Each structure stands twice: as C-alpha cells, then as structure tokens.
C-alpha atoms as a PDB file:
ATOM      1  CA  MET A   1     -14.222   0.212   3.743  1.00  0.00           C
ATOM      2  CA  THR A   2     -15.641   4.538   2.830  1.00  0.00           C
ATOM      3  CA  SER A   3     -13.672   6.916   2.690  1.00  0.00           C
ATOM      4  CA  SER A   4     -14.649   8.225   6.262  1.00  0.00           C
ATOM      5  CA  ALA A   5     -14.551   4.778   7.747  1.00  0.00           C
ATOM      6  CA  GLY A   6     -10.779   5.247   6.504  1.00  0.00           C
ATOM      7  CA  ALA A   7      -9.775   7.812   7.463  1.00  0.00           C
ATOM      8  CA  ILE A   8     -11.356   7.363  10.717  1.00  0.00           C
ATOM      9  CA  ASP A   9      -8.834   4.162  11.655  1.00  0.00           C
ATOM     10  CA  ARG A  10      -5.364   6.720   9.869  1.00  0.00           C
ATOM     11  CA  LEU A  11      -6.459   9.004  13.003  1.00  0.00           C
ATOM     12  CA  GLY A  12      -5.224   5.807  15.861  1.00  0.00           C
ATOM     13  CA  ARG A  13      -2.154   5.185  13.416  1.00  0.00           C
ATOM     14  CA  PRO A  14       1.478   5.656  15.726  1.00  0.00           C
ATOM     15  CA  ASP A  15       2.684   8.629  14.015  1.00  0.00           C
ATOM     16  CA  THR A  16      -0.761  11.386  14.495  1.00  0.00           C
ATOM     17  CA  ARG A  17      -2.256  12.329  17.319  1.00  0.00           C
ATOM     18  CA  PRO A  18      -6.101  12.946  16.965  1.00  0.00           C
ATOM     19  CA  GLY A  19      -6.757  16.664  18.363  1.00  0.00           C
ATOM     20  CA  ALA A  20      -9.850  18.186  18.669  1.00  0.00           C
ATOM     21  CA  ARG A  21     -13.333  18.636  16.852  1.00  0.00           C
ATOM     22  CA  ASP A  22     -13.340  21.974  14.700  1.00  0.00           C
ATOM     23  CA  ALA A  23     -15.193  24.564  16.189  1.00  0.00           C
ATOM     24  CA  THR A  24     -16.560  25.421  12.789  1.00  0.00           C
ATOM     25  CA  ASP A  25     -17.645  21.846  11.369  1.00  0.00           C
ATOM     26  CA  ARG A  26     -18.340  18.996  13.924  1.00  0.00           C
ATOM     27  CA  ARG A  27     -17.413  16.741  11.042  1.00  0.00           C
ATOM     28  CA  ARG A  28     -13.645  17.708  10.936  1.00  0.00           C
ATOM     29  CA  VAL A  29     -11.009  16.661  13.411  1.00  0.00           C
ATOM     30  CA  LEU A  30      -8.063  18.533  13.711  1.00  0.00           C
ATOM     31  CA  VAL A  31      -4.838  15.858  13.997  1.00  0.00           C
ATOM     32  CA  GLU A  32      -1.032  16.540  14.328  1.00  0.00           C
ATOM     33  CA  LEU A  33       1.638  14.832  13.389  1.00  0.00           C
ATOM     34  CA  VAL A  34       3.785  13.153  16.165  1.00  0.00           C
ATOM     35  CA  ARG A  35       7.224  14.199  15.176  1.00  0.00           C
ATOM     36  CA  GLU A  36       9.113  11.229  17.384  1.00  0.00           C
ATOM     37  CA  GLY A  37       9.704   7.697  16.266  1.00  0.00           C
ATOM     38  CA  PRO A  38       8.554   6.888  12.171  1.00  0.00           C
ATOM     39  CA  TYR A  39       8.413  10.763  11.817  1.00  0.00           C
ATOM     40  CA  GLN A  40      11.809  11.360  13.312  1.00  0.00           C
ATOM     41  CA  GLU A  41      13.035   7.464  11.339  1.00  0.00           C
ATOM     42  CA  LEU A  42      12.187   8.856   8.353  1.00  0.00           C
ATOM     43  CA  GLU A  43      13.946  12.407   8.938  1.00  0.00           C
ATOM     44  CA  GLY A  44      17.222  10.771   9.213  1.00  0.00           C
ATOM     45  CA  VAL A  45      16.961   8.302   6.037  1.00  0.00           C
ATOM     46  CA  LEU A  46      15.637  12.421   4.089  1.00  0.00           C
ATOM     47  CA  ALA A  47      18.908  13.551   5.392  1.00  0.00           C
ATOM     48  CA  GLU A  48      20.852  10.898   4.120  1.00  0.00           C
ATOM     49  CA  ILE A  49      19.334  10.579   0.795  1.00  0.00           C
ATOM     50  CA  ASP A  50      19.765  14.840   0.505  1.00  0.00           C
ATOM     51  CA  ARG A  51      23.846  14.290   1.611  1.00  0.00           C
ATOM     52  CA  ALA A  52      24.139  11.649  -0.939  1.00  0.00           C
ATOM     53  CA  TYR A  53      22.192  13.740  -3.508  1.00  0.00           C
ATOM     54  CA  ALA A  54      24.378  17.015  -2.758  1.00  0.00           C
ATOM     55  CA  GLU A  55      27.829  14.567  -3.015  1.00  0.00           C
ATOM     56  CA  LEU A  56      26.336  14.224  -6.714  1.00  0.00           C
ATOM     57  CA  ALA A  57      25.967  17.318  -7.705  1.00  0.00           C
ATOM     58  CA  ALA A  58      28.878  18.641  -6.588  1.00  0.00           C
ATOM     59  CA  GLY A  59      30.587  16.533  -9.664  1.00  0.00           C
ATOM     60  CA  TYR A  60      29.513  18.670 -11.363  1.00  0.00           C
ATOM     61  CA  SER A  61      29.218  21.956 -13.076  1.00  0.00           C
ATOM     62  CA  GLU A  62      26.387  24.549 -12.303  1.00  0.00           C
ATOM     63  CA  GLU A  63      25.642  24.818 -16.285  1.00  0.00           C
ATOM     64  CA  GLU A  64      25.942  20.980 -16.648  1.00  0.00           C
ATOM     65  CA  LEU A  65      23.222  21.081 -13.361  1.00  0.00           C
ATOM     66  CA  ALA A  66      21.653  23.477 -14.837  1.00  0.00           C
ATOM     67  CA  ILE A  67      21.253  20.617 -18.450  1.00  0.00           C
ATOM     68  CA  VAL A  68      20.329  18.341 -16.051  1.00  0.00           C
ATOM     69  CA  HIS A  69      17.345  20.330 -14.671  1.00  0.00           C
ATOM     70  CA  ASP A  70      15.667  21.007 -17.528  1.00  0.00           C
ATOM     71  CA  PHE A  71      15.930  17.472 -18.632  1.00  0.00           C
ATOM     72  CA  ALA A  72      14.276  16.063 -15.466  1.00  0.00           C
ATOM     73  CA  VAL A  73      11.895  19.042 -15.588  1.00  0.00           C
ATOM     74  CA  ARG A  74      10.982  17.992 -19.032  1.00  0.00           C
ATOM     75  CA  ALA A  75      11.277  14.714 -18.496  1.00  0.00           C
ATOM     76  CA  ASN A  76       8.798  14.317 -15.479  1.00  0.00           C
ATOM     77  CA  ASP A  77       6.182  16.616 -17.642  1.00  0.00           C
ATOM     78  CA  LEU A  78       6.732  13.960 -20.612  1.00  0.00           C
ATOM     79  CA  ILE A  79       5.696  10.596 -18.088  1.00  0.00           C
ATOM     80  CA  HIS A  80       2.607  12.856 -16.401  1.00  0.00           C
ATOM     81  CA  GLU A  81       1.666  12.993 -19.979  1.00  0.00           C
ATOM     82  CA  GLN A  82       1.787  10.277 -21.316  1.00  0.00           C
ATOM     83  CA  THR A  83      -0.007   8.575 -17.906  1.00  0.00           C
ATOM     84  CA  LEU A  84      -2.904  11.205 -18.495  1.00  0.00           C
ATOM     85  CA  ARG A  85      -3.124   9.871 -22.416  1.00  0.00           C
ATOM     86  CA  LEU A  86      -2.694   5.818 -21.038  1.00  0.00           C
ATOM     87  CA  ARG A  87      -5.488   6.212 -18.155  1.00  0.00           C
ATOM     88  CA  ALA A  88      -7.908   7.857 -21.069  1.00  0.00           C
ATOM     89  CA  GLU A  89      -7.829   4.903 -22.977  1.00  0.00           C
END
C-alpha cells in the first residue's frame, strides 16, 4: 500500500473526522480529531498513569527527583545513540 493510500484509509478511522480540502493545495485534506470514544478512553488511561506517577514521585525529595531526572535523560540519550549506531551497521 502506498503512503497516500494508507493516509486515505486513515481518514475513515473512527477517531478522525475528514475536514475540508486545503484552499492552497488541493492534495491536502485537513482532518479533525474526534474527542469522543477512543480519544476519551485514552485520556482516562493517561490520567490514571499521570496520577500513579505523581503518587510515586511524592515519595522522593526534590533533590532525589533531580537525580532521577538526570539519569532518565542521560539513559534516554544513550539509548538513542545506540539505536542510531545499530541502524548504521
């Protein structure tokens, strides 16, 4: 399936609503996210995750959280660099 065919297929997904064609580029179609149904379900899941993370973080001091944050950022950078290295091989 070509990328344009895939994009056209996604326009009919229940979580998007096809919109009007772009006035300056007739190939573009603007879509609108439907904020009911699956979107609302995802919002609920993410809200629960957010609440759980806040509860977890409450057990640490600001200094400890700064150390955890530093580690997470540096670990993420390391994983990104290693992923790029592996892709290049």
